[in-house]
Every structure is written in structure tokens, then in C-alpha cells.
Amino acid sequence: MSFAFKCQAVKLLILFGCVSQIQATPQAGMPDQSIETVSLCELTRYWQRYDHRIVRIEAIYHTSNEVSQVYDPGCATSDQTGWVKLLPYGSPSPVPPELKEKLNELLRRNGRARIIAIGEFDGPKKVNVPSGLSPEAADAMRETNSRYGHMNGWKFQFVFSKVEKVEAVPADAPWPHLVGQEKR
């Protein structure tokens, strides 16, 4: 095979990879209509149906010192919130540059923002329980190790791949109810 032919083949492979990547990742300002929009309440209620699937949600993104979560004031319990896993350092940001400043300002000012985001929804982690454990110990192991986030506080996780919209949360919108704590 000639050097020129090899170079042309490599260029085509690179081009094909770039085109595939462009098609798989919706571009800023261009919503991908093929991705299902699902409420956070439905995701958490029927999590087996959506586990490890890419979906679009509209929810409130809330951050503080030890919290990075999405929640929907319409959901009944704290187990219907989702830990937000951020991409590793150096990965491309899921927040387009035109939305980043607005999101950062809202989070800095209020600790939360209403967002529309695309990402992977993860249900409770599968836990392998060693045989021979008592039923109580097995249940405790499943409950603790199947969770996400700070101190295993969240039953569900949402990994942002793209934030499509950011807006302020109305001041009267409720905060998530955390078990054992009063609403803010």
C-alpha cells in the first residue's frame, strides 16, 4: 500500500469518527428531538425502565458544599432526587459557553437553577451481597452500597452530557425535602 493511500485512509477514518461524534452529540442551540424527555418524578418512579438510558429532563439543579443534585418540587420524597455526577477534570463541559456564565451566577447567588439537560440516568447500583450474610446485614449492605454521592445520600444519579437551557428558579419554588430536615 502506498504512503499516500494510507494517509487518505487515515483521513477518512478520522473524518468518519468526527462525523459520528457530531451526530451522537447534539450541538449547542440544536435540541436533539430523538432523545426522550422524561420528568424526574417518572424517572425515579419507574427507574428500571430508564436505568442507564440517555434522557432529557427539566428540573432544578441545586448545589452547595456537599450537594450536587437535581430535583423536581412535584416529586413527593427525597428519594426522587438525583445526584449529579460531573465529568472528570479535563473533559468537555456539558454547559455551552453561552449558558455557563448564567448558570454559574445563578448557582453562586441562589445555589440553584432551573435547567433542561440531557444525560444518563442511573438507578440504584447493583450490589453483590456475599452468601452467608444475615438478611438484616444483606439489606443494610444493599441500601448503603447502592447509592450515589456524598455519604451515599442519593438513590439515583444523573450524569450531564449537555445542558440546553438555564433560567432562574422562582423565589417561592420549594427546596428539596431531605429526610430528617425541615424544608428550607
C-alpha atoms as a PDB file:
ATOM      1  CA  MET A   1       0.000   0.000   0.000  1.00  0.00           C
ATOM      2  CA  SER A   2       1.369   3.409  -0.895  1.00  0.00           C
ATOM      3  CA  PHE A   3       2.012   6.094   1.703  1.00  0.00           C
ATOM      4  CA  ALA A   4      -0.492   8.454   0.010  1.00  0.00           C
ATOM      5  CA  PHE A   5      -3.205   5.758   0.121  1.00  0.00           C
ATOM      6  CA  LYS A   6      -2.526   5.095   3.817  1.00  0.00           C
ATOM      7  CA  CYS A   7      -2.750   8.829   4.565  1.00  0.00           C
ATOM      8  CA  GLN A   8      -6.048   9.079   2.673  1.00  0.00           C
ATOM      9  CA  ALA A   9      -7.424   6.069   4.605  1.00  0.00           C
ATOM     10  CA  VAL A  10      -6.403   7.630   7.934  1.00  0.00           C
ATOM     11  CA  LYS A  11      -8.048  10.947   6.942  1.00  0.00           C
ATOM     12  CA  LEU A  12     -11.279   9.124   6.087  1.00  0.00           C
ATOM     13  CA  LEU A  13     -11.234   7.240   9.407  1.00  0.00           C
ATOM     14  CA  ILE A  14     -10.683  10.485  11.298  1.00  0.00           C
ATOM     15  CA  LEU A  15     -13.410  12.231   9.320  1.00  0.00           C
ATOM     16  CA  PHE A  16     -15.811   9.327   9.902  1.00  0.00           C
ATOM     17  CA  GLY A  17     -15.060   9.434  13.636  1.00  0.00           C
ATOM     18  CA  CYS A  18     -15.713  13.180  13.756  1.00  0.00           C
ATOM     19  CA  VAL A  19     -18.970  12.851  11.829  1.00  0.00           C
ATOM     20  CA  SER A  20     -20.107  10.022  14.126  1.00  0.00           C
ATOM     21  CA  GLN A  21     -19.248  12.133  17.153  1.00  0.00           C
ATOM     22  CA  ILE A  22     -21.160  15.128  15.795  1.00  0.00           C
ATOM     23  CA  GLN A  23     -24.224  13.005  15.164  1.00  0.00           C
ATOM     24  CA  ALA A  24     -24.063  11.383  18.619  1.00  0.00           C
ATOM     25  CA  THR A  25     -23.647  14.666  20.487  1.00  0.00           C
ATOM     26  CA  PRO A  26     -26.308  17.346  19.962  1.00  0.00           C
ATOM     27  CA  GLN A  27     -24.769  20.735  19.274  1.00  0.00           C
ATOM     28  CA  ALA A  28     -25.488  23.820  21.383  1.00  0.00           C
ATOM     29  CA  GLY A  29     -28.725  25.504  20.416  1.00  0.00           C
ATOM     30  CA  MET A  30     -29.883  22.492  18.428  1.00  0.00           C
ATOM     31  CA  PRO A  31     -32.074  20.230  20.584  1.00  0.00           C
ATOM     32  CA  ASP A  32     -31.975  16.562  19.643  1.00  0.00           C
ATOM     33  CA  GLN A  33     -35.621  15.612  19.213  1.00  0.00           C
ATOM     34  CA  SER A  34     -34.821  11.885  19.251  1.00  0.00           C
ATOM     35  CA  ILE A  35     -33.967  11.976  22.977  1.00  0.00           C
ATOM     36  CA  GLU A  36     -36.977  11.294  25.171  1.00  0.00           C
ATOM     37  CA  THR A  37     -37.959  13.989  27.662  1.00  0.00           C
ATOM     38  CA  VAL A  38     -38.926  12.425  30.985  1.00  0.00           C
ATOM     39  CA  SER A  39     -39.873  14.050  34.282  1.00  0.00           C
ATOM     40  CA  LEU A  40     -37.608  13.346  37.215  1.00  0.00           C
ATOM     41  CA  CYS A  41     -40.655  12.000  39.096  1.00  0.00           C
ATOM     42  CA  GLU A  42     -41.265   9.424  36.358  1.00  0.00           C
ATOM     43  CA  LEU A  43     -37.563   8.536  36.110  1.00  0.00           C
ATOM     44  CA  THR A  44     -37.361   7.754  39.798  1.00  0.00           C
ATOM     45  CA  ARG A  45     -40.750   6.035  39.992  1.00  0.00           C
ATOM     46  CA  TYR A  46     -40.056   3.731  37.022  1.00  0.00           C
ATOM     47  CA  TRP A  47     -36.276   3.686  37.257  1.00  0.00           C
ATOM     48  CA  GLN A  48     -35.879   0.156  35.855  1.00  0.00           C
ATOM     49  CA  ARG A  49     -37.339   1.370  32.536  1.00  0.00           C
ATOM     50  CA  TYR A  50     -34.806   4.234  32.282  1.00  0.00           C
ATOM     51  CA  ASP A  51     -31.734   2.804  34.032  1.00  0.00           C
ATOM     52  CA  HIS A  52     -28.546   3.680  32.102  1.00  0.00           C
ATOM     53  CA  ARG A  53     -30.506   5.452  29.354  1.00  0.00           C
ATOM     54  CA  ILE A  54     -29.850   8.880  27.874  1.00  0.00           C
ATOM     55  CA  VAL A  55     -32.840  11.135  28.565  1.00  0.00           C
ATOM     56  CA  ARG A  56     -33.725  14.816  28.743  1.00  0.00           C
ATOM     57  CA  ILE A  57     -35.039  16.282  31.993  1.00  0.00           C
ATOM     58  CA  GLU A  58     -36.318  19.640  33.152  1.00  0.00           C
ATOM     59  CA  ALA A  59     -35.505  20.016  36.828  1.00  0.00           C
ATOM     60  CA  ILE A  60     -33.927  22.255  39.414  1.00  0.00           C
ATOM     61  CA  TYR A  61     -30.175  21.850  39.708  1.00  0.00           C
ATOM     62  CA  HIS A  62     -29.083  22.544  43.288  1.00  0.00           C
ATOM     63  CA  THR A  63     -25.518  22.790  44.556  1.00  0.00           C
ATOM     64  CA  SER A  64     -23.953  23.584  47.905  1.00  0.00           C
ATOM     65  CA  ASN A  65     -20.903  22.448  49.870  1.00  0.00           C
ATOM     66  CA  GLU A  66     -21.716  18.731  49.841  1.00  0.00           C
ATOM     67  CA  VAL A  67     -24.659  18.641  47.452  1.00  0.00           C
ATOM     68  CA  SER A  68     -24.905  18.420  43.683  1.00  0.00           C
ATOM     69  CA  GLN A  69     -28.383  17.265  42.792  1.00  0.00           C
ATOM     70  CA  VAL A  70     -31.401  17.635  40.549  1.00  0.00           C
ATOM     71  CA  TYR A  71     -34.879  17.705  41.994  1.00  0.00           C
ATOM     72  CA  ASP A  72     -38.440  18.411  40.990  1.00  0.00           C
ATOM     73  CA  PRO A  73     -40.711  20.138  43.532  1.00  0.00           C
ATOM     74  CA  GLY A  74     -43.560  17.964  42.211  1.00  0.00           C
ATOM     75  CA  CYS A  75     -41.933  14.749  43.431  1.00  0.00           C
ATOM     76  CA  ALA A  76     -43.076  13.525  46.798  1.00  0.00           C
ATOM     77  CA  THR A  77     -39.896  12.321  48.523  1.00  0.00           C
ATOM     78  CA  SER A  78     -36.180  12.903  48.873  1.00  0.00           C
ATOM     79  CA  ASP A  79     -35.619   9.537  47.178  1.00  0.00           C
ATOM     80  CA  GLN A  80     -36.858  11.195  43.997  1.00  0.00           C
ATOM     81  CA  THR A  81     -33.864  13.488  43.741  1.00  0.00           C
ATOM     82  CA  GLY A  82     -30.758  12.565  41.772  1.00  0.00           C
ATOM     83  CA  TRP A  83     -27.078  13.098  42.487  1.00  0.00           C
ATOM     84  CA  VAL A  84     -25.415  14.993  39.642  1.00  0.00           C
ATOM     85  CA  LYS A  85     -22.144  13.459  38.620  1.00  0.00           C
ATOM     86  CA  LEU A  86     -19.869  15.930  36.923  1.00  0.00           C
ATOM     87  CA  LEU A  87     -17.494  14.864  34.207  1.00  0.00           C
ATOM     88  CA  PRO A  88     -13.845  14.306  35.161  1.00  0.00           C
ATOM     89  CA  TYR A  89     -11.493  17.289  35.132  1.00  0.00           C
ATOM     90  CA  GLY A  90     -10.327  17.973  31.585  1.00  0.00           C
ATOM     91  CA  SER A  91     -13.495  16.606  29.945  1.00  0.00           C
ATOM     92  CA  PRO A  92     -15.501  18.959  27.753  1.00  0.00           C
ATOM     93  CA  SER A  93     -18.057  20.896  29.775  1.00  0.00           C
ATOM     94  CA  PRO A  94     -21.676  19.842  29.273  1.00  0.00           C
ATOM     95  CA  VAL A  95     -22.614  23.516  29.649  1.00  0.00           C
ATOM     96  CA  PRO A  96     -22.185  25.503  26.421  1.00  0.00           C
ATOM     97  CA  PRO A  97     -20.202  28.740  26.780  1.00  0.00           C
ATOM     98  CA  GLU A  98     -23.294  30.903  26.162  1.00  0.00           C
ATOM     99  CA  LEU A  99     -25.027  29.346  29.230  1.00  0.00           C
ATOM    100  CA  LYS A 100     -22.044  28.833  31.540  1.00  0.00           C
ATOM    101  CA  GLU A 101     -21.878  32.373  32.953  1.00  0.00           C
ATOM    102  CA  LYS A 102     -25.626  32.473  33.628  1.00  0.00           C
ATOM    103  CA  LEU A 103     -25.567  29.047  35.337  1.00  0.00           C
ATOM    104  CA  ASN A 104     -22.554  29.945  37.467  1.00  0.00           C
ATOM    105  CA  GLU A 105     -24.134  33.252  38.517  1.00  0.00           C
ATOM    106  CA  LEU A 106     -27.458  31.614  39.499  1.00  0.00           C
ATOM    107  CA  LEU A 107     -25.682  28.884  41.464  1.00  0.00           C
ATOM    108  CA  ARG A 108     -23.410  31.424  43.164  1.00  0.00           C
ATOM    109  CA  ARG A 109     -26.360  33.662  44.094  1.00  0.00           C
ATOM    110  CA  ASN A 110     -29.077  31.111  44.953  1.00  0.00           C
ATOM    111  CA  GLY A 111     -27.485  27.674  44.920  1.00  0.00           C
ATOM    112  CA  ARG A 112     -29.919  26.501  42.274  1.00  0.00           C
ATOM    113  CA  ALA A 113     -31.095  26.984  38.700  1.00  0.00           C
ATOM    114  CA  ARG A 114     -33.883  25.537  36.567  1.00  0.00           C
ATOM    115  CA  ILE A 115     -32.286  23.576  33.743  1.00  0.00           C
ATOM    116  CA  ILE A 116     -33.091  21.404  30.795  1.00  0.00           C
ATOM    117  CA  ALA A 117     -30.342  18.826  30.465  1.00  0.00           C
ATOM    118  CA  ILE A 118     -29.531  15.673  28.555  1.00  0.00           C
ATOM    119  CA  GLY A 119     -27.665  12.929  30.300  1.00  0.00           C
ATOM    120  CA  GLU A 120     -27.513   9.372  31.510  1.00  0.00           C
ATOM    121  CA  PHE A 121     -29.910   8.382  34.263  1.00  0.00           C
ATOM    122  CA  ASP A 122     -28.658   5.697  36.635  1.00  0.00           C
ATOM    123  CA  GLY A 123     -30.846   3.735  39.008  1.00  0.00           C
ATOM    124  CA  PRO A 124     -29.545   2.174  42.219  1.00  0.00           C
ATOM    125  CA  LYS A 125     -26.180   0.457  41.795  1.00  0.00           C
ATOM    126  CA  LYS A 126     -26.254  -3.328  41.673  1.00  0.00           C
ATOM    127  CA  VAL A 127     -24.771  -4.709  44.874  1.00  0.00           C
ATOM    128  CA  ASN A 128     -23.248  -8.176  45.096  1.00  0.00           C
ATOM    129  CA  VAL A 129     -24.075  -9.490  48.552  1.00  0.00           C
ATOM    130  CA  PRO A 130     -21.795 -12.283  49.765  1.00  0.00           C
ATOM    131  CA  SER A 131     -23.587 -15.512  50.576  1.00  0.00           C
ATOM    132  CA  GLY A 132     -23.942 -16.372  54.225  1.00  0.00           C
ATOM    133  CA  LEU A 133     -24.827 -12.851  55.398  1.00  0.00           C
ATOM    134  CA  SER A 134     -27.831 -12.462  57.626  1.00  0.00           C
ATOM    135  CA  PRO A 135     -30.880 -10.943  55.894  1.00  0.00           C
ATOM    136  CA  GLU A 136     -30.506  -7.789  58.006  1.00  0.00           C
ATOM    137  CA  ALA A 137     -26.832  -7.351  57.073  1.00  0.00           C
ATOM    138  CA  ALA A 138     -27.602  -8.053  53.391  1.00  0.00           C
ATOM    139  CA  ASP A 139     -30.375  -5.407  53.405  1.00  0.00           C
ATOM    140  CA  ALA A 140     -28.069  -2.871  55.088  1.00  0.00           C
ATOM    141  CA  MET A 141     -25.344  -3.596  52.527  1.00  0.00           C
ATOM    142  CA  ARG A 142     -27.774  -3.184  49.613  1.00  0.00           C
ATOM    143  CA  GLU A 143     -29.195   0.072  50.998  1.00  0.00           C
ATOM    144  CA  THR A 144     -25.804   1.676  51.668  1.00  0.00           C
ATOM    145  CA  ASN A 145     -23.769   0.481  48.689  1.00  0.00           C
ATOM    146  CA  SER A 146     -26.433   1.012  46.024  1.00  0.00           C
ATOM    147  CA  ARG A 147     -26.422   4.787  46.457  1.00  0.00           C
ATOM    148  CA  TYR A 148     -24.504   7.752  44.975  1.00  0.00           C
ATOM    149  CA  GLY A 149     -22.910  10.990  46.036  1.00  0.00           C
ATOM    150  CA  HIS A 150     -21.738  12.442  49.307  1.00  0.00           C
ATOM    151  CA  MET A 151     -22.186   9.911  52.116  1.00  0.00           C
ATOM    152  CA  ASN A 152     -24.253   7.708  49.749  1.00  0.00           C
ATOM    153  CA  GLY A 153     -27.161  10.101  50.120  1.00  0.00           C
ATOM    154  CA  TRP A 154     -28.853   9.613  46.731  1.00  0.00           C
ATOM    155  CA  LYS A 155     -30.608   6.577  45.318  1.00  0.00           C
ATOM    156  CA  PHE A 156     -30.332   7.892  41.739  1.00  0.00           C
ATOM    157  CA  GLN A 157     -27.713   9.644  39.638  1.00  0.00           C
ATOM    158  CA  PHE A 158     -27.835  11.863  36.572  1.00  0.00           C
ATOM    159  CA  VAL A 159     -24.683  12.455  34.502  1.00  0.00           C
ATOM    160  CA  PHE A 160     -24.997  15.628  32.415  1.00  0.00           C
ATOM    161  CA  SER A 161     -23.802  15.368  28.830  1.00  0.00           C
ATOM    162  CA  LYS A 162     -25.414  18.622  27.675  1.00  0.00           C
ATOM    163  CA  VAL A 163     -27.234  21.485  29.356  1.00  0.00           C
ATOM    164  CA  GLU A 164     -29.687  23.006  26.869  1.00  0.00           C
ATOM    165  CA  LYS A 165     -31.378  25.725  28.921  1.00  0.00           C
ATOM    166  CA  VAL A 166     -30.729  27.631  32.148  1.00  0.00           C
ATOM    167  CA  GLU A 167     -33.089  30.009  33.938  1.00  0.00           C
ATOM    168  CA  ALA A 168     -33.700  31.386  37.414  1.00  0.00           C
ATOM    169  CA  VAL A 169     -35.801  29.441  39.889  1.00  0.00           C
ATOM    170  CA  PRO A 170     -38.782  31.444  41.181  1.00  0.00           C
ATOM    171  CA  ALA A 171     -38.144  32.555  44.772  1.00  0.00           C
ATOM    172  CA  ASP A 172     -41.256  30.740  46.009  1.00  0.00           C
ATOM    173  CA  ALA A 173     -40.238  27.379  44.455  1.00  0.00           C
ATOM    174  CA  PRO A 174     -39.774  24.831  47.233  1.00  0.00           C
ATOM    175  CA  TRP A 175     -36.423  23.372  48.140  1.00  0.00           C
ATOM    176  CA  PRO A 176     -35.980  19.596  48.180  1.00  0.00           C
ATOM    177  CA  HIS A 177     -37.131  17.869  51.328  1.00  0.00           C
ATOM    178  CA  LEU A 178     -34.282  15.992  52.943  1.00  0.00           C
ATOM    179  CA  VAL A 179     -35.124  13.157  55.304  1.00  0.00           C
ATOM    180  CA  GLY A 180     -34.737  14.310  58.895  1.00  0.00           C
ATOM    181  CA  GLN A 181     -34.534  18.002  57.994  1.00  0.00           C
ATOM    182  CA  GLU A 182     -37.113  20.729  57.556  1.00  0.00           C
ATOM    183  CA  LYS A 183     -37.656  22.326  54.155  1.00  0.00           C
ATOM    184  CA  ARG A 184     -35.555  25.428  53.660  1.00  0.00           C
END
